Amino acid sequence: MGHILILIESPAVTLLAVALVLACVARLRRPWLREALWIPVALVLLLVYLGLTVFAGVTWWSQAANSSKIIWWPVGRWFHALLALTVCYVVGVVWLRVRALRLVDGDPSVPAATSWPRGKLAIALTVAFALHAMTFWNLDLAIRQQLAVARAEAGALALSVAPARLPDRDNAALVYMQAFEAMGIENDTWPKQWDEWRTGIEQGTLDPNDPVLSDFLRRQTPALILLREASDKPGCYFDRDYGRPGIDMLLPYLQPMRCAARLLAVDARVKAAGGDIGGALSDVNAMFAIAEHVGSDSILVSTLVAAAIDATASDTLSVVLVSGEASEQDLAQLHVDPSLSYRRMFERSIRMEEAFGLLIFCDAATGRVSLESIGGSPATGRGSPWQGARTSLYCVFLMADDMATHQRFMREFRLLAAKPYYEAKEDWERFSTEVGSGPGGILTALMLPALKRCAIVATEAEARRRVARLTVAMHRYRAAEGRFPEKLEELAPESIAFIPVDPFDGKPMKLKRIERGPVIYSIGPDMKDGDGAPFDRKEKTGDIIFQLLQ
């Protein structure tokens, strides 16, 4: 109703303003002076209408032209309304000009507008403008009340998935912070070769006999001891105000945690090359624990970093186990937690992502978040006056639809994230198409991450971890029996409680025996059984495998 009043009151205000100006200039004797005074006023008001119309049109058309963005019908609706108002204003101004400055038959030198009551016109304009401002203010007040409810809802959502606060004696975060100091990352004391070593971890080209690397690891001994100590803690909690979350919530520990995992991976490879399989597996065990600790934060980026660390740990475990035969004692210290679920981790992070989304709407209304450009990304901080005016117009006319669309999408994402990927795959495909081409909103389009891709990353991590658990069970079986089992079913219940299913198809994990040794694998995100073909992380094809050597 308020928006309808805006559409009615706006032309009333502008046309009354033009009529008052015409009534005033009609008393001037020089015709050219009359035209010179009323035309600029009419043009300024016309430019306001044109500016709003162009803004709505560019926003609508730019999103419609880009298939990666959401085509938003409310913007198109307002574009057509503003276009109609512009046309009505032009027609009204032309009509007023004809009526006001036409000469009266009785006195050809006096325009008709000289008889218009200027006082009544001024009063009418004042009343119309006051009503127009009141309507705008009421709409702004209504959206701010709605945002106050949204802020409270965001805090409740964040608290519902926030990690539990821990006693200091059980909190790994305190030990991690000591380890980061001992690592000396912030002091720029790491050698220039670190990037080369990090690449060597990923590509399998690391030289464990590099004397510079050996000296570096010797100096990092205190940090490595602290990282292993932290991995033995039951939980990890970095202090943050989850009751008042925000997009500016700092996550300074993520990069050091990933760096710590890589440091452990380097150390594990060097120890494995030197025959210290037990020490290498201790490093791998710490890496799996770091992944679990990072993922406990219930933030989407933390889940993705945890998955990356888990992948590094699995790759390192593969290298270590093929470097030498692990004893039962060595394998006993290796704990790949079966209760850790990346699907549940992803589901919790979706709730936190929804909370962050609601807070972006709240911050947009207060000016803490602005849109630098349509189709760009949210930026924090104060913008230009034009940005402030654009934000105000967005809040009054577009935010309610935008926020409702965002909440609808996030509810759907939550339902999909709660299902195993093999059950929700078709729904993910359908909903991703809907998000990419259906009605949405400016902030929704800017904020909405590639959640389908995140779901696949979480499922990959789940599959990789299950394959790693089976691999450890296979080695424990061999340590006890002297051979690898012929079938995975032989592992249960002595070596592993049960055989986990493949999260990509819901069927049991697969075992293939080749000349080099058994291969345990998941079919991977391409959903095709590649018969144990190695996974290509760039092309996202092949199977997620673990090669065991006889």
Foldseek 3Di string as FASTA:
>chain_A
DLVVLLLVLLLVLLLLVLLLLLLVLLPDQDPVVSCVRSVVSLVVSLVVLVVLLVVLVCLQVVQVVDLLFERAVLSVVVNVSSVVSSVVNVVSSVVSVVQFAQADPVGRSGGPSPPPDSVVSVVSSVVSVVVSVVSLVVLLVVLLVVLVVLQQVLLVLLVVQAFDDDDPVQALQVLLVVLLVQLCPVVPPDDPCPVVQLVCLVVVNHDLPPVVLVVSVVSSVVSLVSLLVSLPRPAHDDDDSSSRDEPPTDDVCLVVLLVLLSSLLSVLLSCLLVVNLLSSLSSLQSLLSSLVRQLSRLALVSLLSSLVSLVSSLSSVLSSVVSDADALVSLVVRDLDPVDALLVSLLSNLSNLLSNLSVQLVCLSVQQWWDPDQVDAIDGDHDDVVRVVVSSCCSSRPSVVQNVQLVVLSVLLSVLSVDQCQVCVVVLVVVVSCNSYHHHGRSSRRSVDNSVVSSQSSLLSRFSSLQSLLVSLQSSCCNVPVHGDPDSQVSPPVSPPGFDPRSNNRHGWDWDADPQGIKTWHQFPVSDNPVRADADPVVRHGIPIRDHGD
